[in-house]
């Protein structure tokens, strides 16, 4: 898998987590621990994307 394809896959997963997060927050009885987990996973993906994009610039 090329670096660009890997980054694109990570971005797709990040967007999917964003969608899940929006849906969970919109629920009447939102699960706070699930929200925290989704945010943590999103942040991890964002950091990985930034690291990979930075590595391709150098």
N, C-alpha and C. Protein backbone atom coordinates (compact mmCIF):
# COMPACT_ATOMS: atom_id res chain seq x y z
N UNK A 1 0.85 -1.18 0.00
CA UNK A 1 0.00 0.00 0.00
C UNK A 1 0.90 1.24 0.00
N UNK A 2 0.63 2.15 -0.89
CA UNK A 2 1.43 3.37 -0.95
C UNK A 2 1.13 4.26 0.24
N UNK A 3 2.02 5.19 0.48
CA UNK A 3 1.85 6.13 1.60
C UNK A 3 0.56 6.93 1.42
N UNK A 4 0.30 7.38 0.19
CA UNK A 4 -0.91 8.17 -0.07
C UNK A 4 -2.16 7.34 0.18
N UNK A 5 -2.14 6.09 -0.22
CA UNK A 5 -3.29 5.21 -0.01
C UNK A 5 -3.50 4.97 1.48
N UNK A 6 -2.41 4.82 2.21
CA UNK A 6 -2.51 4.61 3.67
C UNK A 6 -3.10 5.84 4.35
N UNK A 7 -2.61 7.01 3.97
CA UNK A 7 -3.15 8.25 4.54
C UNK A 7 -4.62 8.40 4.18
N UNK A 8 -4.99 8.08 2.95
CA UNK A 8 -6.39 8.18 2.53
C UNK A 8 -7.27 7.24 3.36
N UNK A 9 -6.77 6.04 3.64
CA UNK A 9 -7.52 5.08 4.46
C UNK A 9 -7.68 5.60 5.89
N UNK A 10 -6.62 6.17 6.44
CA UNK A 10 -6.70 6.75 7.78
C UNK A 10 -7.70 7.90 7.81
N UNK A 11 -7.70 8.73 6.77
CA UNK A 11 -8.65 9.84 6.70
C UNK A 11 -10.09 9.33 6.59
N UNK A 12 -10.28 8.24 5.85
CA UNK A 12 -11.61 7.65 5.74
C UNK A 12 -12.08 7.14 7.10
N UNK A 13 -11.18 6.47 7.81
CA UNK A 13 -11.54 5.98 9.15
C UNK A 13 -11.82 7.13 10.11
N UNK A 14 -11.06 8.22 9.99
CA UNK A 14 -11.28 9.41 10.82
C UNK A 14 -12.68 9.98 10.57
N UNK A 15 -13.07 10.06 9.30
CA UNK A 15 -14.40 10.57 8.96
C UNK A 15 -15.50 9.65 9.48
N UNK A 16 -15.27 8.34 9.43
CA UNK A 16 -16.25 7.39 9.94
C UNK A 16 -16.42 7.56 11.45
N UNK A 17 -15.31 7.77 12.15
CA UNK A 17 -15.40 8.01 13.59
C UNK A 17 -16.13 9.31 13.89
N UNK A 18 -15.89 10.33 13.07
CA UNK A 18 -16.60 11.61 13.23
C UNK A 18 -18.10 11.39 13.11
N UNK A 19 -18.51 10.60 12.14
CA UNK A 19 -19.94 10.31 11.95
C UNK A 19 -20.49 9.57 13.16
N UNK A 20 -19.77 8.56 13.64
CA UNK A 20 -20.21 7.82 14.82
C UNK A 20 -20.34 8.75 16.03
N UNK A 21 -19.37 9.65 16.17
CA UNK A 21 -19.38 10.59 17.29
C UNK A 21 -20.59 11.51 17.22
N UNK A 22 -20.88 12.05 16.05
CA UNK A 22 -22.05 12.93 15.89
C UNK A 22 -23.33 12.17 16.24
N UNK A 23 -23.43 10.92 15.80
CA UNK A 23 -24.62 10.12 16.08
C UNK A 23 -24.75 9.84 17.57
N UNK A 24 -23.64 9.54 18.22
CA UNK A 24 -23.69 9.24 19.66
C UNK A 24 -24.08 10.48 20.46
N UNK A 25 -23.51 11.62 20.11
CA UNK A 25 -23.82 12.86 20.82
C UNK A 25 -25.29 13.23 20.64
N UNK A 26 -25.85 12.91 19.48
CA UNK A 26 -27.25 13.27 19.19
C UNK A 26 -28.25 12.38 19.91
N UNK A 27 -27.79 11.24 20.41
CA UNK A 27 -28.71 10.33 21.10
C UNK A 27 -29.20 10.95 22.40
N UNK A 28 -30.46 10.71 22.76
CA UNK A 28 -30.99 11.27 24.01
C UNK A 28 -30.21 10.81 25.25
N UNK A 29 -29.79 9.57 25.28
CA UNK A 29 -29.04 9.04 26.42
C UNK A 29 -27.62 8.71 25.95
N UNK A 30 -26.90 9.73 25.55
CA UNK A 30 -25.55 9.53 25.01
C UNK A 30 -24.66 8.89 26.06
N UNK A 31 -23.83 7.97 25.62
CA UNK A 31 -22.91 7.25 26.49
C UNK A 31 -21.60 8.04 26.55
N UNK A 32 -21.33 8.65 27.70
CA UNK A 32 -20.15 9.50 27.84
C UNK A 32 -18.84 8.75 27.64
N UNK A 33 -18.77 7.50 28.10
CA UNK A 33 -17.52 6.76 27.92
C UNK A 33 -17.31 6.40 26.44
N UNK A 34 -18.39 6.13 25.72
CA UNK A 34 -18.28 5.87 24.27
C UNK A 34 -17.83 7.13 23.55
N UNK A 35 -18.38 8.27 23.93
CA UNK A 35 -17.98 9.55 23.33
C UNK A 35 -16.50 9.78 23.56
N UNK A 36 -16.04 9.57 24.78
CA UNK A 36 -14.62 9.76 25.09
C UNK A 36 -13.75 8.81 24.28
N UNK A 37 -14.18 7.56 24.14
CA UNK A 37 -13.43 6.59 23.36
C UNK A 37 -13.35 7.00 21.89
N UNK A 38 -14.47 7.44 21.33
CA UNK A 38 -14.48 7.87 19.93
C UNK A 38 -13.56 9.07 19.72
N UNK A 39 -13.60 10.02 20.65
CA UNK A 39 -12.73 11.19 20.54
C UNK A 39 -11.27 10.80 20.63
N UNK A 40 -10.95 9.88 21.52
CA UNK A 40 -9.57 9.42 21.68
C UNK A 40 -9.08 8.73 20.41
N UNK A 41 -9.93 7.87 19.84
CA UNK A 41 -9.57 7.17 18.60
C UNK A 41 -9.40 8.15 17.44
N UNK A 42 -10.29 9.15 17.37
CA UNK A 42 -10.18 10.17 16.31
C UNK A 42 -8.87 10.94 16.43
N UNK A 43 -8.54 11.32 17.66
CA UNK A 43 -7.31 12.08 17.89
C UNK A 43 -6.08 11.25 17.51
N UNK A 44 -6.11 9.98 17.85
CA UNK A 44 -4.99 9.09 17.49
C UNK A 44 -4.82 9.05 15.97
N UNK A 45 -5.93 8.90 15.25
CA UNK A 45 -5.86 8.87 13.78
C UNK A 45 -5.36 10.20 13.24
N UNK A 46 -5.85 11.30 13.80
CA UNK A 46 -5.43 12.63 13.35
C UNK A 46 -3.92 12.80 13.53
N UNK A 47 -3.42 12.37 14.70
CA UNK A 47 -1.98 12.47 14.96
C UNK A 47 -1.19 11.61 13.98
N UNK A 48 -1.68 10.41 13.71
CA UNK A 48 -0.99 9.52 12.78
C UNK A 48 -0.98 10.10 11.36
N UNK A 49 -2.10 10.68 10.95
CA UNK A 49 -2.18 11.31 9.62
C UNK A 49 -1.18 12.46 9.54
N UNK A 50 -1.15 13.29 10.57
CA UNK A 50 -0.23 14.43 10.57
C UNK A 50 1.23 13.95 10.54
N UNK A 51 1.53 12.90 11.29
CA UNK A 51 2.89 12.35 11.31
C UNK A 51 3.29 11.83 9.93
N UNK A 52 2.40 11.10 9.30
CA UNK A 52 2.70 10.56 7.97
C UNK A 52 2.84 11.66 6.93
N UNK A 53 1.96 12.64 6.99
CA UNK A 53 2.05 13.74 6.02
C UNK A 53 3.33 14.53 6.26
N UNK A 54 3.73 14.72 7.51
CA UNK A 54 4.97 15.42 7.82
C UNK A 54 6.19 14.64 7.35
N UNK A 55 6.12 13.33 7.44
CA UNK A 55 7.23 12.48 7.02
C UNK A 55 7.44 12.55 5.51
N UNK A 56 6.35 12.73 4.77
CA UNK A 56 6.48 12.79 3.31
C UNK A 56 7.04 14.14 2.86
N UNK A 57 6.93 15.15 3.72
CA UNK A 57 7.46 16.47 3.36
C UNK A 57 8.96 16.55 3.58
N UNK A 58 9.50 15.71 4.43
CA UNK A 58 10.93 15.79 4.77
C UNK A 58 11.74 14.76 4.08
